[in-house]
């Protein structure tokens, strides 16, 4: 595995944060949607 450049870590951190911010609300909606429909 090639060493990660210094410019790479911040980008991956931002992408992980974006994925988390986009993924968590979707998961909450998926869990709450059936409850709201009931």
PDB file of N, CA and C in Angstrom:
ATOM      1  N   UNK A   1       0.854  -1.200   0.000  1.00  0.00           N
ATOM      2  CA  UNK A   1       0.000   0.000   0.000  1.00  0.00           C
ATOM      3  C   UNK A   1       0.884   1.242   0.000  1.00  0.00           C
ATOM      4  N   UNK A   2       0.630   2.137  -0.919  1.00  0.00           N
ATOM      5  CA  UNK A   2       1.446   3.353  -1.012  1.00  0.00           C
ATOM      6  C   UNK A   2       1.123   4.274   0.157  1.00  0.00           C
ATOM      7  N   UNK A   3       2.138   5.008   0.652  1.00  0.00           N
ATOM      8  CA  UNK A   3       1.901   5.953   1.753  1.00  0.00           C
ATOM      9  C   UNK A   3       0.927   7.049   1.332  1.00  0.00           C
ATOM     10  N   UNK A   4       0.085   7.442   2.259  1.00  0.00           N
ATOM     11  CA  UNK A   4      -0.929   8.458   1.946  1.00  0.00           C
ATOM     12  C   UNK A   4      -0.281   9.842   1.968  1.00  0.00           C
ATOM     13  N   UNK A   5      -0.456  10.642   0.909  1.00  0.00           N
ATOM     14  CA  UNK A   5       0.091  12.014   0.879  1.00  0.00           C
ATOM     15  C   UNK A   5      -0.511  12.870   1.985  1.00  0.00           C
ATOM     16  N   UNK A   6       0.168  13.973   2.313  1.00  0.00           N
ATOM     17  CA  UNK A   6      -0.321  14.845   3.383  1.00  0.00           C
ATOM     18  C   UNK A   6      -1.650  15.502   3.003  1.00  0.00           C
ATOM     19  N   UNK A   7      -1.882  15.657   1.705  1.00  0.00           N
ATOM     20  CA  UNK A   7      -3.100  16.336   1.265  1.00  0.00           C
ATOM     21  C   UNK A   7      -4.299  15.390   1.290  1.00  0.00           C
ATOM     22  N   UNK A   8      -4.046  14.101   1.417  1.00  0.00           N
ATOM     23  CA  UNK A   8      -5.135  13.121   1.328  1.00  0.00           C
ATOM     24  C   UNK A   8      -5.985  13.019   2.594  1.00  0.00           C
ATOM     25  N   UNK A   9      -5.396  12.964   3.785  1.00  0.00           N
ATOM     26  CA  UNK A   9      -6.201  12.759   4.999  1.00  0.00           C
ATOM     27  C   UNK A   9      -7.353  13.745   5.171  1.00  0.00           C
ATOM     28  N   UNK A  10      -7.142  15.079   4.991  1.00  0.00           N
ATOM     29  CA  UNK A  10      -8.266  16.005   5.174  1.00  0.00           C
ATOM     30  C   UNK A  10      -9.413  15.692   4.221  1.00  0.00           C
ATOM     31  N   UNK A  11      -9.076  15.313   2.989  1.00  0.00           N
ATOM     32  CA  UNK A  11     -10.125  15.018   2.006  1.00  0.00           C
ATOM     33  C   UNK A  11     -10.921  13.804   2.463  1.00  0.00           C
ATOM     34  N   UNK A  12     -10.227  12.769   2.928  1.00  0.00           N
ATOM     35  CA  UNK A  12     -10.960  11.579   3.364  1.00  0.00           C
ATOM     36  C   UNK A  12     -11.792  11.870   4.597  1.00  0.00           C
ATOM     37  N   UNK A  13     -11.288  12.723   5.474  1.00  0.00           N
ATOM     38  CA  UNK A  13     -12.056  13.083   6.666  1.00  0.00           C
ATOM     39  C   UNK A  13     -13.328  13.811   6.271  1.00  0.00           C
ATOM     40  N   UNK A  14     -13.188  14.743   5.341  1.00  0.00           N
ATOM     41  CA  UNK A  14     -14.381  15.487   4.890  1.00  0.00           C
ATOM     42  C   UNK A  14     -15.380  14.559   4.222  1.00  0.00           C
ATOM     43  N   UNK A  15     -14.869  13.629   3.394  1.00  0.00           N
ATOM     44  CA  UNK A  15     -15.772  12.701   2.716  1.00  0.00           C
ATOM     45  C   UNK A  15     -16.475  11.806   3.733  1.00  0.00           C
ATOM     46  N   UNK A  16     -15.729  11.346   4.755  1.00  0.00           N
ATOM     47  CA  UNK A  16     -16.352  10.498   5.777  1.00  0.00           C
ATOM     48  C   UNK A  16     -17.423  11.273   6.533  1.00  0.00           C
ATOM     49  N   UNK A  17     -17.143  12.552   6.811  1.00  0.00           N
ATOM     50  CA  UNK A  17     -18.133  13.378   7.517  1.00  0.00           C
ATOM     51  C   UNK A  17     -19.369  13.577   6.650  1.00  0.00           C
ATOM     52  N   UNK A  18     -19.138  13.844   5.356  1.00  0.00           N
ATOM     53  CA  UNK A  18     -20.273  14.040   4.447  1.00  0.00           C
ATOM     54  C   UNK A  18     -21.097  12.764   4.347  1.00  0.00           C
ATOM     55  N   UNK A  19     -20.409  11.631   4.240  1.00  0.00           N
ATOM     56  CA  UNK A  19     -21.129  10.350   4.158  1.00  0.00           C
ATOM     57  C   UNK A  19     -21.934  10.124   5.430  1.00  0.00           C
ATOM     58  N   UNK A  20     -21.337  10.467   6.574  1.00  0.00           N
ATOM     59  CA  UNK A  20     -22.042  10.285   7.844  1.00  0.00           C
ATOM     60  C   UNK A  20     -23.260  11.202   7.912  1.00  0.00           C
ATOM     61  N   UNK A  21     -23.077  12.468   7.512  1.00  0.00           N
ATOM     62  CA  UNK A  21     -24.184  13.424   7.576  1.00  0.00           C
ATOM     63  C   UNK A  21     -25.291  13.034   6.606  1.00  0.00           C
ATOM     64  N   UNK A  22     -24.906  12.474   5.443  1.00  0.00           N
ATOM     65  CA  UNK A  22     -25.914  12.076   4.462  1.00  0.00           C
ATOM     66  C   UNK A  22     -26.531  10.730   4.820  1.00  0.00           C
ATOM     67  N   UNK A  23     -25.755   9.866   5.469  1.00  0.00           N
ATOM     68  CA  UNK A  23     -26.227   8.513   5.753  1.00  0.00           C
ATOM     69  C   UNK A  23     -27.120   8.444   6.978  1.00  0.00           C
ATOM     70  N   UNK A  24     -26.776   9.203   8.025  1.00  0.00           N
ATOM     71  CA  UNK A  24     -27.539   9.116   9.266  1.00  0.00           C
ATOM     72  C   UNK A  24     -28.983   9.576   9.074  1.00  0.00           C
ATOM     73  N   UNK A  25     -29.221  10.750   8.449  1.00  0.00           N
ATOM     74  CA  UNK A  25     -30.608  11.181   8.251  1.00  0.00           C
ATOM     75  C   UNK A  25     -31.392  10.169   7.422  1.00  0.00           C
ATOM     76  N   UNK A  26     -30.760   9.574   6.404  1.00  0.00           N
ATOM     77  CA  UNK A  26     -31.461   8.581   5.584  1.00  0.00           C
ATOM     78  C   UNK A  26     -31.852   7.388   6.433  1.00  0.00           C
ATOM     79  N   UNK A  27     -30.940   6.952   7.311  1.00  0.00           N
ATOM     80  CA  UNK A  27     -31.250   5.813   8.173  1.00  0.00           C
ATOM     81  C   UNK A  27     -32.389   6.155   9.125  1.00  0.00           C
ATOM     82  N   UNK A  28     -32.364   7.381   9.657  1.00  0.00           N
ATOM     83  CA  UNK A  28     -33.430   7.794  10.571  1.00  0.00           C
ATOM     84  C   UNK A  28     -34.757   7.835   9.838  1.00  0.00           C
ATOM     85  N   UNK A  29     -34.742   8.334   8.607  1.00  0.00           N
ATOM     86  CA  UNK A  29     -35.979   8.409   7.833  1.00  0.00           C
ATOM     87  C   UNK A  29     -36.494   7.006   7.537  1.00  0.00           C
ATOM     88  N   UNK A  30     -35.571   6.091   7.209  1.00  0.00           N
ATOM     89  CA  UNK A  30     -35.986   4.723   6.905  1.00  0.00           C
ATOM     90  C   UNK A  30     -36.621   4.072   8.133  1.00  0.00           C
ATOM     91  N   UNK A  31     -36.066   4.376   9.312  1.00  0.00           N
ATOM     92  CA  UNK A  31     -36.608   3.769  10.527  1.00  0.00           C
ATOM     93  C   UNK A  31     -37.907   4.457  10.957  1.00  0.00           C
ATOM     94  N   UNK A  32     -37.982   5.778  10.753  1.00  0.00           N
ATOM     95  CA  UNK A  32     -39.158   6.519  11.207  1.00  0.00           C
ATOM     96  C   UNK A  32     -40.304   6.431  10.213  1.00  0.00           C
ATOM     97  N   UNK A  33     -40.001   6.221   8.928  1.00  0.00           N
ATOM     98  CA  UNK A  33     -41.044   6.214   7.904  1.00  0.00           C
ATOM     99  C   UNK A  33     -42.115   5.163   8.184  1.00  0.00           C
ATOM    100  N   UNK A  34     -41.729   3.889   8.423  1.00  0.00           N
ATOM    101  CA  UNK A  34     -42.767   2.888   8.713  1.00  0.00           C
ATOM    102  C   UNK A  34     -43.562   3.233   9.963  1.00  0.00           C
ATOM    103  N   UNK A  35     -42.890   3.829  10.966  1.00  0.00           N
ATOM    104  CA  UNK A  35     -43.588   4.187  12.208  1.00  0.00           C
ATOM    105  C   UNK A  35     -44.607   5.281  11.931  1.00  0.00           C
ATOM    106  N   UNK A  36     -44.217   6.266  11.112  1.00  0.00           N
ATOM    107  CA  UNK A  36     -45.139   7.362  10.809  1.00  0.00           C
ATOM    108  C   UNK A  36     -46.307   6.851   9.973  1.00  0.00           C
ATOM    109  N   UNK A  37     -46.038   5.866   9.105  1.00  0.00           N
ATOM    110  CA  UNK A  37     -47.116   5.322   8.275  1.00  0.00           C
ATOM    111  C   UNK A  37     -48.101   4.518   9.115  1.00  0.00           C
ATOM    112  N   UNK A  38     -47.610   3.903  10.204  1.00  0.00           N
ATOM    113  CA  UNK A  38     -48.514   3.164  11.083  1.00  0.00           C
ATOM    114  C   UNK A  38     -49.410   4.152  11.841  1.00  0.00           C
TER     115      UNK A  38
END
